[in-house]
Amino acid sequence: MRYLFGLLLLVCQMAQAQPDPFPQVAASYLVQLNGSLLWEKESNRRLPPASLTKLMAALLVLEDYKPRAVVLVGKKAAQESGARIGLRGGERFHAEDLLAAMLIGSANDACHALADHVAGSHESFVRRMNHRAQQLGLRDTHFGNACGHDAGNHFSTARDLAVLANELLKSKAVMELAAKSEARIATTDGARHYLLANKNALIGRYPGAVGLKSGYTPNAGKCLVAYAERTGARVLLVMLNAPDRWWDAADILDLAFAQVRRDS
């Protein structure tokens, strides 16, 4: 009797197990097909998200979005480190242009300037980010800054980032920006112009890729939230600490779309 019970338990466990077809591609990943979970690996593991952080920053900007609002670049924003486009303190931009710089060029200086504009200060904006994370049910996410710098109190998970990404996919403004290979912005007086090149290498190269955000820091490694659409199928992929993210992301997306063809 014990043997039969043990055998039944083993069979049930095997039936519930989800195979990991990509065990080496990332420290953590999650794949959704048409909104449903397809594959995952340690998707609840807390890891640094690098510039995927800017997805939450973008969400807050969009929730009180005035595209033509004039944003003043402060001294601290102009001094931001990491990925930046070289904004100067005292320059003025329309909010829509700084949002483009943040999502397309992953510009920390643009992100910081928007944070100051929306909340009055970077610190206040970060508090809003954490409050919004709680509202969305992101239980394993905490932000220490708006841009994605490595910090002990700055972490998220592939599962939480998928929830956040799905929230942003509802925004037409985000999707239009995330799908651009490049864009140009200028100060409100037209004195300085900036060229933005999309840091998401899938855009313009992988068929159907229309978003969403990449990121990198020494501690986080290479991170990615990829979103692609083809006839009858939508695939969302979140990868944290993925050494060969571009090649591996393309392979994973291919396999996910092949799943649709197989099931149809």
Protein backbone atom coordinates (compact mmCIF):
# COMPACT_ATOMS: atom_id res chain seq x y z
CA MET A 1 0.00 0.00 0.00
CA ARG A 2 2.83 2.38 0.88
CA TYR A 3 4.49 1.53 -2.44
CA LEU A 4 1.32 2.30 -4.41
CA PHE A 5 0.82 5.58 -2.53
CA GLY A 6 4.44 6.58 -3.18
CA LEU A 7 4.16 5.72 -6.86
CA LEU A 8 0.94 7.73 -7.18
CA LEU A 9 2.58 10.72 -5.48
CA LEU A 10 5.59 10.53 -7.83
CA VAL A 11 3.35 10.41 -10.90
CA CYS A 12 1.40 13.45 -9.69
CA GLN A 13 4.61 15.39 -9.08
CA MET A 14 5.92 14.53 -12.55
CA ALA A 15 2.64 15.60 -14.13
CA GLN A 16 2.82 18.97 -12.38
CA ALA A 17 6.46 19.65 -13.21
CA GLN A 18 7.13 22.23 -15.88
CA PRO A 19 10.17 21.44 -18.02
CA ASP A 20 12.83 24.12 -18.29
CA PRO A 21 13.80 24.15 -21.98
CA PHE A 22 16.43 26.87 -21.47
CA PRO A 23 18.28 26.07 -18.22
CA GLN A 24 21.40 28.12 -18.99
CA VAL A 25 20.09 31.28 -20.63
CA ALA A 26 19.50 33.41 -17.53
CA ALA A 27 19.51 33.41 -13.76
CA SER A 28 15.75 33.87 -14.01
CA TYR A 29 13.28 34.10 -16.87
CA LEU A 30 9.58 33.94 -17.66
CA VAL A 31 7.71 33.49 -20.94
CA GLN A 32 4.04 34.27 -21.53
CA LEU A 33 2.14 33.31 -24.66
CA ASN A 34 -1.06 35.29 -25.24
CA GLY A 35 -1.06 36.26 -21.57
CA SER A 36 -0.63 32.74 -20.19
CA LEU A 37 2.50 31.34 -18.59
CA LEU A 38 4.46 29.13 -20.98
CA TRP A 39 7.86 28.61 -19.35
CA GLU A 40 9.70 29.96 -16.34
CA LYS A 41 12.84 29.52 -14.30
CA GLU A 42 13.10 30.86 -10.75
CA SER A 43 10.68 33.61 -11.70
CA ASN A 44 10.18 34.61 -8.05
CA ARG A 45 13.90 35.02 -7.36
CA ARG A 46 14.80 38.56 -6.29
CA LEU A 47 17.45 40.03 -8.56
CA PRO A 48 18.63 43.52 -9.57
CA PRO A 49 16.60 44.66 -12.61
CA ALA A 50 18.98 47.32 -13.98
CA SER A 51 17.18 49.67 -16.40
CA LEU A 52 14.07 47.51 -16.48
CA THR A 53 13.37 49.76 -13.49
CA LYS A 54 12.45 52.46 -15.98
CA LEU A 55 9.28 50.53 -16.83
CA MET A 56 7.88 51.57 -13.45
CA ALA A 57 9.20 55.10 -13.92
CA ALA A 58 7.41 55.25 -17.28
CA LEU A 59 4.18 53.96 -15.75
CA LEU A 60 4.18 56.76 -13.17
CA VAL A 61 4.94 59.38 -15.82
CA LEU A 62 2.07 58.11 -17.96
CA GLU A 63 -0.46 58.12 -15.14
CA ASP A 64 -0.33 61.92 -15.08
CA TYR A 65 0.86 62.39 -18.64
CA LYS A 66 0.90 65.75 -20.34
CA PRO A 67 3.05 65.17 -23.45
CA ARG A 68 3.71 68.85 -24.14
CA ALA A 69 4.43 69.80 -20.54
CA VAL A 70 7.79 71.58 -20.26
CA VAL A 71 10.33 69.80 -18.06
CA LEU A 72 13.31 71.64 -16.61
CA VAL A 73 16.51 69.58 -16.32
CA GLY A 74 17.92 70.07 -12.83
CA LYS A 75 21.55 69.93 -11.75
CA LYS A 76 21.28 66.45 -10.20
CA ALA A 77 19.55 65.06 -13.27
CA ALA A 78 22.30 66.42 -15.51
CA GLN A 79 24.91 64.75 -13.29
CA GLU A 80 23.37 61.27 -13.52
CA SER A 81 25.82 58.44 -14.21
CA GLY A 82 25.55 55.35 -16.37
CA ALA A 83 23.53 55.42 -19.59
CA ARG A 84 22.81 59.04 -20.46
CA ILE A 85 22.47 61.35 -23.45
CA GLY A 86 24.24 64.36 -21.97
CA LEU A 87 21.42 66.65 -20.88
CA ARG A 88 22.55 69.97 -19.43
CA GLY A 89 21.21 71.59 -16.31
CA GLY A 90 18.76 74.37 -17.17
CA GLU A 91 17.68 72.86 -20.49
CA ARG A 92 13.97 72.45 -21.12
CA PHE A 93 12.24 69.63 -22.96
CA HIS A 94 8.72 68.49 -23.59
CA ALA A 95 7.78 65.54 -21.41
CA GLU A 96 7.16 63.32 -24.45
CA ASP A 97 10.74 63.83 -25.61
CA LEU A 98 12.24 62.89 -22.26
CA LEU A 99 9.98 59.84 -22.13
CA ALA A 100 11.38 58.86 -25.52
CA ALA A 101 14.93 59.35 -24.23
CA MET A 102 14.16 57.17 -21.22
CA LEU A 103 12.50 54.31 -23.09
CA ILE A 104 14.48 54.32 -26.34
CA GLY A 105 17.89 55.52 -25.18
CA SER A 106 17.55 54.29 -21.58
CA ALA A 107 18.84 57.71 -20.52
CA ASN A 108 19.28 58.07 -16.77
CA ASP A 109 19.49 61.85 -17.02
CA ALA A 110 16.11 61.97 -18.78
CA CYS A 111 14.63 59.56 -16.24
CA HIS A 112 15.85 61.67 -13.32
CA ALA A 113 14.53 64.87 -14.90
CA LEU A 114 11.09 63.31 -15.34
CA ALA A 115 11.15 62.03 -11.76
CA ASP A 116 11.85 65.54 -10.49
CA HIS A 117 9.10 66.93 -12.70
CA VAL A 118 6.42 64.42 -11.70
CA ALA A 119 7.06 64.20 -7.96
CA GLY A 120 9.09 67.28 -7.09
CA SER A 121 12.19 65.27 -6.23
CA HIS A 122 13.87 61.99 -7.08
CA GLU A 123 13.31 60.69 -3.55
CA SER A 124 9.60 61.43 -3.63
CA PHE A 125 9.30 59.76 -7.03
CA VAL A 126 10.96 56.58 -5.72
CA ARG A 127 8.46 56.47 -2.85
CA ARG A 128 5.69 56.68 -5.42
CA MET A 129 7.29 53.85 -7.39
CA ASN A 130 7.24 51.59 -4.34
CA HIS A 131 3.66 52.54 -3.52
CA ARG A 132 2.59 51.74 -7.08
CA ALA A 133 4.43 48.43 -6.88
CA GLN A 134 2.37 47.54 -3.81
CA GLN A 135 -0.84 48.49 -5.61
CA LEU A 136 0.07 46.18 -8.49
CA GLY A 137 0.80 43.33 -6.09
CA LEU A 138 4.53 43.25 -6.83
CA ARG A 139 5.44 41.61 -3.53
CA ASP A 140 9.04 40.88 -4.41
CA THR A 141 9.93 44.29 -5.82
CA HIS A 142 11.50 47.28 -4.12
CA PHE A 143 13.04 50.32 -5.77
CA GLY A 144 15.97 52.24 -4.33
CA ASN A 145 16.21 54.67 -7.25
CA ALA A 146 14.28 55.65 -10.36
CA CYS A 147 16.80 54.66 -13.02
CA GLY A 148 18.04 51.17 -12.12
CA HIS A 149 21.40 51.71 -10.42
CA ASP A 150 22.66 48.78 -8.36
CA ALA A 151 21.72 49.09 -4.69
CA GLY A 152 21.06 46.69 -1.85
CA ASN A 153 17.43 47.77 -1.57
CA HIS A 154 16.77 47.65 -5.31
CA PHE A 155 15.38 44.37 -6.64
CA SER A 156 12.57 42.70 -8.53
CA THR A 157 11.64 39.34 -10.06
CA ALA A 158 10.83 38.09 -13.53
CA ARG A 159 7.26 37.44 -12.42
CA ASP A 160 6.77 40.95 -11.00
CA LEU A 161 8.33 42.53 -14.07
CA ALA A 162 5.93 40.57 -16.28
CA VAL A 163 3.01 42.05 -14.35
CA LEU A 164 4.49 45.52 -14.76
CA ALA A 165 5.17 44.98 -18.46
CA ASN A 166 1.61 43.87 -19.10
CA GLU A 167 0.40 47.06 -17.45
CA LEU A 168 2.56 49.13 -19.79
CA LEU A 169 1.46 47.19 -22.86
CA LYS A 170 -1.90 48.93 -22.45
CA SER A 171 -0.26 52.27 -23.25
CA LYS A 172 -0.27 53.37 -26.87
CA ALA A 173 2.42 55.97 -26.10
CA VAL A 174 4.79 53.36 -24.69
CA MET A 175 4.26 50.93 -27.53
CA GLU A 176 4.88 53.58 -30.16
CA LEU A 177 8.17 54.58 -28.52
CA ALA A 178 9.38 51.08 -27.67
CA ALA A 179 8.97 49.97 -31.29
CA LYS A 180 11.20 52.72 -32.71
CA SER A 181 14.76 51.91 -33.76
CA GLU A 182 15.73 55.54 -33.30
CA ALA A 183 14.28 58.97 -32.67
CA ARG A 184 15.35 62.59 -32.43
CA ILE A 185 14.50 65.07 -29.70
CA ALA A 186 15.38 68.71 -29.10
CA THR A 187 15.22 71.32 -26.39
CA THR A 188 12.08 73.45 -26.47
CA ASP A 189 14.04 76.36 -27.95
CA GLY A 190 15.58 74.13 -30.63
CA ALA A 191 19.11 75.00 -29.54
CA ARG A 192 20.27 71.41 -29.01
CA HIS A 193 19.27 68.18 -30.71
CA TYR A 194 19.77 64.60 -29.56
CA LEU A 195 19.73 61.34 -31.51
CA LEU A 196 18.29 58.36 -29.64
CA ALA A 197 19.23 54.82 -30.67
CA ASN A 198 17.16 51.98 -29.24
CA LYS A 199 19.25 49.81 -26.93
CA ASN A 200 16.89 46.89 -27.52
CA ALA A 201 18.73 45.09 -30.32
CA LEU A 202 15.64 43.05 -31.24
CA ILE A 203 13.84 46.13 -32.56
CA GLY A 204 14.15 46.28 -36.32
CA ARG A 205 15.95 42.93 -36.39
CA TYR A 206 13.63 40.30 -34.96
CA PRO A 207 10.37 39.90 -36.94
CA GLY A 208 7.47 41.08 -34.84
CA ALA A 209 9.49 42.64 -32.01
CA VAL A 210 7.83 45.83 -30.78
CA GLY A 211 9.29 46.31 -27.29
CA LEU A 212 9.94 46.66 -24.55
CA LYS A 213 13.12 47.47 -22.55
CA SER A 214 16.67 46.29 -22.00
CA GLY A 215 19.06 46.97 -19.15
CA TYR A 216 22.55 46.32 -17.84
CA THR A 217 24.63 46.98 -14.74
CA PRO A 218 27.68 45.09 -13.47
CA ASN A 219 25.65 43.54 -10.67
CA ALA A 220 22.44 42.86 -12.59
CA GLY A 221 24.12 41.61 -15.74
CA LYS A 222 22.23 41.81 -19.03
CA CYS A 223 18.46 42.05 -18.60
CA LEU A 224 15.58 42.21 -21.04
CA VAL A 225 11.83 42.50 -21.31
CA ALA A 226 11.02 41.54 -24.89
CA TYR A 227 7.60 41.70 -26.50
CA ALA A 228 6.74 40.44 -29.97
CA GLU A 229 3.56 40.05 -31.97
CA ARG A 230 2.74 37.89 -34.95
CA THR A 231 -0.58 36.87 -36.45
CA GLY A 232 -2.67 35.45 -33.65
CA ALA A 233 0.12 35.41 -31.08
CA ARG A 234 1.69 37.67 -28.45
CA VAL A 235 4.86 36.67 -26.60
CA LEU A 236 6.29 38.39 -23.54
CA LEU A 237 9.75 37.38 -22.35
CA VAL A 238 11.50 38.57 -19.18
CA MET A 239 15.19 37.68 -18.67
CA LEU A 240 17.36 38.64 -15.69
CA ASN A 241 21.13 38.21 -15.80
CA ALA A 242 21.17 36.71 -19.29
CA PRO A 243 24.74 36.69 -20.72
CA ASP A 244 23.69 36.11 -24.36
CA ARG A 245 20.29 37.78 -24.19
CA TRP A 246 19.89 38.74 -27.85
CA TRP A 247 20.63 35.33 -29.36
CA ASP A 248 18.83 33.46 -26.59
CA ALA A 249 15.83 35.80 -26.67
CA ALA A 250 15.41 35.23 -30.41
CA ASP A 251 15.55 31.45 -29.90
CA ILE A 252 13.01 31.57 -27.07
CA LEU A 253 10.63 33.78 -29.04
CA ASP A 254 10.95 31.47 -32.05
CA LEU A 255 10.06 28.45 -29.93
CA ALA A 256 7.12 30.25 -28.34
CA PHE A 257 5.69 31.20 -31.73
CA ALA A 258 6.28 27.64 -32.93
CA GLN A 259 4.12 26.49 -30.02
CA VAL A 260 1.22 28.44 -31.53
CA ARG A 261 1.64 26.74 -34.89
CA ARG A 262 1.86 23.34 -33.23
CA ASP A 263 -1.29 23.87 -31.18
CA SER A 264 -3.34 25.31 -34.05
